[in-house]
Every structure is written in C-alpha cells, then in structure tokens.
C-alpha cells in the first residue's frame, strides 16, 4: 500500500507544481524579482512539503486539503504578480 501511495504522490509532482516550475523559469528569463514573489514562492514550497508529509504519513484528508489549498493560493498569487508585471 505504501508503494501505491508513494507512486500517486510522485505523479502529483507533475500536476500543479509544473506551473510553479514554469513561473520560476519565466521570472528568471524576464528578470522579474520582488519581495512578494520570494515570499509566495517559499510559502508554496513549504505548503507542498507539508502536503507531502501529510500525504505520506498519517494522510488526514482535511489537513492535506488545507495544505493543498494554501499552496494553490500562493501559486495564484505568483501568477497574478507575473501577469500584472508583464501586461
């Protein structure tokens, strides 16, 4: 069962986090830097680590969902800053 859970979690790393990776590369290419981007990016990473820890250990759905939603709010903020600076 642990192998199945780990495999599912690994597959999750190729869903929403891909948008984070793309945002990071885009910021590097465009030269976009701001304190808000740095804070949101680190918060995103922290919430994804928390999500992974919950998912791979005790797997409480409510706790995992809270970490997932928080990480996605950070990701939306990151993309909002990118769009706001490029338009």
Protein backbone atom coordinates (compact mmCIF):
# COMPACT_ATOMS: atom_id res chain seq x y z
CA UNK A 1 0.00 0.00 0.00
CA UNK A 2 2.87 2.39 0.79
CA UNK A 3 4.24 1.88 -2.73
CA UNK A 4 0.90 2.84 -4.29
CA UNK A 5 0.63 5.94 -2.10
CA UNK A 6 4.20 6.99 -2.92
CA UNK A 7 3.61 6.42 -6.63
CA UNK A 8 0.45 8.57 -6.54
CA UNK A 9 2.30 11.28 -4.68
CA UNK A 10 5.13 11.23 -7.22
CA UNK A 11 2.56 11.61 -10.01
CA UNK A 12 1.14 14.66 -8.19
CA UNK A 13 4.52 16.38 -8.58
CA UNK A 14 3.82 16.61 -12.32
CA UNK A 15 0.50 18.41 -11.96
CA UNK A 16 0.24 21.75 -10.11
CA UNK A 17 3.96 22.08 -9.29
CA UNK A 18 4.70 22.23 -13.03
CA UNK A 19 3.00 25.65 -13.05
CA UNK A 20 5.31 26.69 -10.20
CA UNK A 21 8.38 25.48 -12.11
CA UNK A 22 7.21 27.38 -15.19
CA UNK A 23 6.63 30.55 -13.14
CA UNK A 24 10.16 30.31 -11.70
CA UNK A 25 11.72 29.88 -15.13
CA UNK A 26 9.62 32.71 -16.56
CA UNK A 27 10.70 35.05 -13.74
CA UNK A 28 14.34 34.17 -14.40
CA UNK A 29 14.04 34.72 -18.15
CA UNK A 30 12.15 38.02 -17.83
CA UNK A 31 14.25 39.18 -14.86
CA UNK A 32 11.23 39.68 -12.64
CA UNK A 33 12.07 39.91 -8.95
CA UNK A 34 10.13 41.18 -5.97
CA UNK A 35 9.89 40.50 -2.29
CA UNK A 36 6.32 39.28 -2.71
CA UNK A 37 7.42 36.71 -5.30
CA UNK A 38 10.13 35.40 -2.99
CA UNK A 39 7.76 35.12 -0.02
CA UNK A 40 4.99 33.47 -2.05
CA UNK A 41 7.47 31.06 -3.63
CA UNK A 42 8.88 29.95 -0.29
CA UNK A 43 5.38 29.64 1.16
CA UNK A 44 4.41 27.50 -1.84
CA UNK A 45 7.39 25.20 -1.25
CA UNK A 46 6.65 24.96 2.49
CA UNK A 47 2.98 24.12 1.88
CA UNK A 48 3.92 21.48 -0.72
CA UNK A 49 6.38 19.89 1.73
CA UNK A 50 3.65 19.93 4.38
CA UNK A 51 1.21 18.39 1.89
CA UNK A 52 3.72 15.66 1.02
CA UNK A 53 4.44 14.93 4.67
CA UNK A 54 0.75 14.62 5.49
CA UNK A 55 0.07 12.51 2.40
CA UNK A 56 2.90 10.08 3.03
CA UNK A 57 2.38 9.74 6.80
CA UNK A 58 -0.99 9.92 8.55
CA UNK A 59 -2.95 11.16 5.48
CA UNK A 60 -5.71 13.18 7.15
CA UNK A 61 -7.72 14.48 4.21
CA UNK A 62 -8.74 17.76 5.88
CA UNK A 63 -5.17 18.62 6.81
CA UNK A 64 -3.91 17.63 3.38
CA UNK A 65 -6.63 19.69 1.68
CA UNK A 66 -5.74 22.75 3.78
CA UNK A 67 -2.08 22.50 2.72
CA UNK A 68 -3.13 21.94 -0.91
CA UNK A 69 -5.45 24.96 -0.95
CA UNK A 70 -2.84 27.17 0.74
CA UNK A 71 -0.20 26.16 -1.82
CA UNK A 72 -2.57 26.88 -4.69
CA UNK A 73 -3.43 30.31 -3.27
CA UNK A 74 0.30 31.07 -3.23
CA UNK A 75 0.60 29.84 -6.82
CA UNK A 76 -2.30 32.03 -7.94
CA UNK A 77 -0.60 34.98 -6.24
CA UNK A 78 2.68 34.24 -8.03
CA UNK A 79 0.95 34.09 -11.41
CA UNK A 80 -1.01 37.24 -10.57
CA UNK A 81 2.23 39.13 -9.97
CA UNK A 82 3.75 37.76 -13.18
CA UNK A 83 0.71 38.71 -15.25
CA UNK A 84 0.50 42.12 -13.57
CA UNK A 85 4.12 42.92 -14.42
CA UNK A 86 4.05 41.63 -17.99
CA UNK A 87 0.86 43.35 -19.14
